[in-house]
Amino acid sequence: MKPAPQKRRRNLLRAEGVEYVDWKDTALLRKFLSDRGKIRARRITGLTPAEQKDVARAIKNAREMALLPYPVKKG
């Protein structure tokens, strides 16, 4: 039996019509973080490499400004 094809997530930036990823837009950036605060991979988010780089940079800037959490180690 063949495994079912995995559903690829749609590009959230294009779906919301975002042209510039702003580090102050925490509601948008939280969609790209896991429950532990880690940045989700491109294969999960469906972003292009350039968009993923912009999102990662914006998340890192927002973390520096204490708007988003740093990753939490469990255990």
N, C-alpha and C. Protein backbone atom coordinates (compact mmCIF):
# COMPACT_ATOMS: atom_id res chain seq x y z
N MET A 1 0.84 -1.20 0.00
CA MET A 1 0.00 0.00 0.00
C MET A 1 0.87 1.25 0.00
N LYS A 2 0.43 2.20 -0.77
CA LYS A 2 1.13 3.49 -0.82
C LYS A 2 0.69 4.37 0.34
N PRO A 3 1.64 5.06 0.97
CA PRO A 3 1.22 5.99 2.02
C PRO A 3 0.46 7.17 1.41
N ALA A 4 -0.46 7.70 2.15
CA ALA A 4 -1.25 8.83 1.67
C ALA A 4 -0.34 10.04 1.47
N PRO A 5 -0.54 10.79 0.39
CA PRO A 5 0.30 11.98 0.19
C PRO A 5 0.03 12.99 1.29
N GLN A 6 1.12 13.61 1.77
CA GLN A 6 0.97 14.56 2.86
C GLN A 6 0.44 15.88 2.34
N LYS A 7 -0.48 16.44 3.07
CA LYS A 7 -1.07 17.72 2.69
C LYS A 7 -0.07 18.83 3.01
N ARG A 8 0.27 19.60 2.00
CA ARG A 8 1.21 20.70 2.19
C ARG A 8 0.45 21.93 2.67
N ARG A 9 1.00 22.58 3.66
CA ARG A 9 0.35 23.79 4.18
C ARG A 9 0.42 24.90 3.16
N ARG A 10 -0.63 25.70 3.12
CA ARG A 10 -0.61 26.82 2.19
C ARG A 10 0.24 27.94 2.77
N ASN A 11 0.70 28.78 1.91
CA ASN A 11 1.57 29.89 2.30
C ASN A 11 0.74 30.94 3.06
N LEU A 12 0.99 31.07 4.36
CA LEU A 12 0.20 31.98 5.19
C LEU A 12 0.43 33.45 4.83
N LEU A 13 1.63 33.77 4.38
CA LEU A 13 1.91 35.17 4.02
C LEU A 13 1.09 35.59 2.80
N ARG A 14 1.05 34.72 1.79
CA ARG A 14 0.26 35.04 0.60
C ARG A 14 -1.23 35.02 0.90
N ALA A 15 -1.66 34.10 1.76
CA ALA A 15 -3.09 33.99 2.09
C ALA A 15 -3.59 35.25 2.79
N GLU A 16 -2.72 35.88 3.60
CA GLU A 16 -3.12 37.09 4.32
C GLU A 16 -2.72 38.36 3.59
N GLY A 17 -2.08 38.22 2.43
CA GLY A 17 -1.71 39.38 1.63
C GLY A 17 -0.59 40.21 2.23
N VAL A 18 0.34 39.56 2.94
CA VAL A 18 1.45 40.26 3.58
C VAL A 18 2.58 40.44 2.56
N GLU A 19 3.02 41.67 2.37
CA GLU A 19 4.14 41.94 1.46
C GLU A 19 5.44 42.11 2.24
N TYR A 20 5.36 42.71 3.44
CA TYR A 20 6.54 42.96 4.26
C TYR A 20 6.31 42.35 5.63
N VAL A 21 7.22 41.49 6.08
CA VAL A 21 7.11 40.86 7.39
C VAL A 21 7.68 41.82 8.42
N ASP A 22 6.82 42.29 9.32
CA ASP A 22 7.22 43.26 10.33
C ASP A 22 7.40 42.57 11.67
N TRP A 23 8.49 42.86 12.37
CA TRP A 23 8.75 42.20 13.66
C TRP A 23 7.76 42.63 14.73
N LYS A 24 7.03 43.72 14.51
CA LYS A 24 6.05 44.18 15.50
C LYS A 24 4.70 43.48 15.38
N ASP A 25 4.50 42.73 14.30
CA ASP A 25 3.24 42.01 14.06
C ASP A 25 3.31 40.64 14.72
N THR A 26 3.15 40.62 16.04
CA THR A 26 3.32 39.37 16.79
C THR A 26 2.22 38.35 16.51
N ALA A 27 1.03 38.82 16.17
CA ALA A 27 -0.07 37.88 15.88
C ALA A 27 0.28 37.03 14.66
N LEU A 28 0.86 37.64 13.65
CA LEU A 28 1.27 36.90 12.45
C LEU A 28 2.47 36.00 12.76
N LEU A 29 3.45 36.53 13.48
CA LEU A 29 4.67 35.75 13.75
C LEU A 29 4.41 34.54 14.63
N ARG A 30 3.43 34.61 15.52
CA ARG A 30 3.11 33.47 16.39
C ARG A 30 2.63 32.26 15.60
N LYS A 31 2.09 32.50 14.41
CA LYS A 31 1.64 31.39 13.56
C LYS A 31 2.82 30.56 13.05
N PHE A 32 4.02 31.12 13.09
CA PHE A 32 5.21 30.43 12.61
C PHE A 32 6.04 29.86 13.76
N LEU A 33 5.51 29.89 14.98
CA LEU A 33 6.20 29.33 16.15
C LEU A 33 5.47 28.10 16.65
N SER A 34 6.22 27.13 17.16
CA SER A 34 5.61 25.96 17.79
C SER A 34 5.15 26.34 19.20
N ASP A 35 4.50 25.41 19.87
CA ASP A 35 4.03 25.67 21.23
C ASP A 35 5.18 25.89 22.20
N ARG A 36 6.37 25.40 21.86
CA ARG A 36 7.55 25.59 22.70
C ARG A 36 8.38 26.81 22.30
N GLY A 37 7.94 27.53 21.27
CA GLY A 37 8.62 28.75 20.87
C GLY A 37 9.65 28.58 19.77
N LYS A 38 9.71 27.40 19.16
CA LYS A 38 10.68 27.17 18.08
C LYS A 38 10.08 27.60 16.74
N ILE A 39 10.93 28.07 15.84
CA ILE A 39 10.49 28.48 14.52
C ILE A 39 10.18 27.24 13.69
N ARG A 40 9.00 27.22 13.08
CA ARG A 40 8.60 26.06 12.27
C ARG A 40 9.39 26.02 10.97
N ALA A 41 9.61 24.80 10.46
CA ALA A 41 10.38 24.58 9.24
C ALA A 41 9.61 25.00 7.99
N ARG A 42 10.33 25.21 6.91
CA ARG A 42 9.73 25.61 5.64
C ARG A 42 8.74 24.57 5.13
N ARG A 43 9.06 23.30 5.32
CA ARG A 43 8.16 22.26 4.82
C ARG A 43 6.84 22.25 5.57
N ILE A 44 6.83 22.80 6.76
CA ILE A 44 5.59 22.89 7.54
C ILE A 44 4.83 24.17 7.17
N THR A 45 5.54 25.28 7.05
CA THR A 45 4.88 26.56 6.81
C THR A 45 4.52 26.79 5.35
N GLY A 46 5.23 26.14 4.43
CA GLY A 46 4.95 26.32 3.01
C GLY A 46 5.50 27.61 2.43
N LEU A 47 6.46 28.22 3.12
CA LEU A 47 7.04 29.48 2.64
C LEU A 47 8.18 29.21 1.66
N THR A 48 8.49 30.23 0.86
CA THR A 48 9.66 30.15 -0.01
C THR A 48 10.91 30.39 0.85
N PRO A 49 12.10 30.06 0.36
CA PRO A 49 13.30 30.30 1.17
C PRO A 49 13.48 31.76 1.58
N ALA A 50 13.20 32.68 0.68
CA ALA A 50 13.34 34.11 1.01
C ALA A 50 12.33 34.53 2.07
N GLU A 51 11.09 34.04 1.95
CA GLU A 51 10.06 34.38 2.94
C GLU A 51 10.40 33.79 4.30
N GLN A 52 10.91 32.55 4.30
CA GLN A 52 11.28 31.91 5.56
C GLN A 52 12.39 32.69 6.26
N LYS A 53 13.34 33.18 5.47
CA LYS A 53 14.45 33.96 6.04
C LYS A 53 13.92 35.26 6.64
N ASP A 54 12.98 35.92 5.95
CA ASP A 54 12.39 37.16 6.46
C ASP A 54 11.61 36.91 7.76
N VAL A 55 10.85 35.82 7.79
CA VAL A 55 10.07 35.48 8.99
C VAL A 55 11.00 35.16 10.15
N ALA A 56 12.05 34.38 9.89
CA ALA A 56 13.01 34.04 10.95
C ALA A 56 13.68 35.28 11.52
N ARG A 57 14.07 36.20 10.65
CA ARG A 57 14.71 37.44 11.10
C ARG A 57 13.73 38.27 11.92
N ALA A 58 12.48 38.36 11.48
CA ALA A 58 11.47 39.13 12.22
C ALA A 58 11.20 38.50 13.58
N ILE A 59 11.16 37.17 13.66
CA ILE A 59 10.94 36.49 14.94
C ILE A 59 12.10 36.76 15.88
N LYS A 60 13.32 36.69 15.36
CA LYS A 60 14.50 36.94 16.19
C LYS A 60 14.53 38.38 16.70
N ASN A 61 14.14 39.33 15.86
CA ASN A 61 14.07 40.72 16.31
C ASN A 61 13.00 40.90 17.38
N ALA A 62 11.85 40.26 17.19
CA ALA A 62 10.77 40.36 18.16
C ALA A 62 11.16 39.72 19.49
N ARG A 63 11.95 38.66 19.44
CA ARG A 63 12.45 38.04 20.68
C ARG A 63 13.37 39.01 21.42
N GLU A 64 14.24 39.68 20.69
CA GLU A 64 15.15 40.65 21.32
C GLU A 64 14.38 41.78 22.00
N MET A 65 13.25 42.16 21.43
CA MET A 65 12.42 43.23 22.00
C MET A 65 11.41 42.71 23.02
N ALA A 66 11.54 41.44 23.37
CA ALA A 66 10.69 40.79 24.38
C ALA A 66 9.22 40.75 23.98
N LEU A 67 8.95 40.64 22.68
CA LEU A 67 7.57 40.51 22.22
C LEU A 67 7.19 39.05 22.00
N LEU A 68 8.19 38.20 21.76
CA LEU A 68 7.97 36.77 21.56
C LEU A 68 8.91 35.99 22.47
N PRO A 69 8.51 34.75 22.84
CA PRO A 69 9.36 33.96 23.73
C PRO A 69 10.51 33.27 23.01
N TYR A 70 11.56 33.03 23.75
CA TYR A 70 12.65 32.19 23.26
C TYR A 70 12.23 30.74 23.42
N PRO A 71 12.86 29.78 22.72
CA PRO A 71 12.50 28.37 22.87
C PRO A 71 12.71 27.90 24.31
N VAL A 72 11.79 27.05 24.74
CA VAL A 72 11.81 26.54 26.11
C VAL A 72 12.23 25.07 26.06
N LYS A 73 13.19 24.70 26.92
CA LYS A 73 13.60 23.31 27.02
C LYS A 73 12.71 22.63 28.05
N LYS A 74 12.09 21.52 27.67
CA LYS A 74 11.27 20.73 28.58
C LYS A 74 12.08 19.54 29.07
N GLY A 75 11.97 19.28 30.34
CA GLY A 75 12.58 18.07 30.85
C GLY A 75 13.81 18.21 31.54
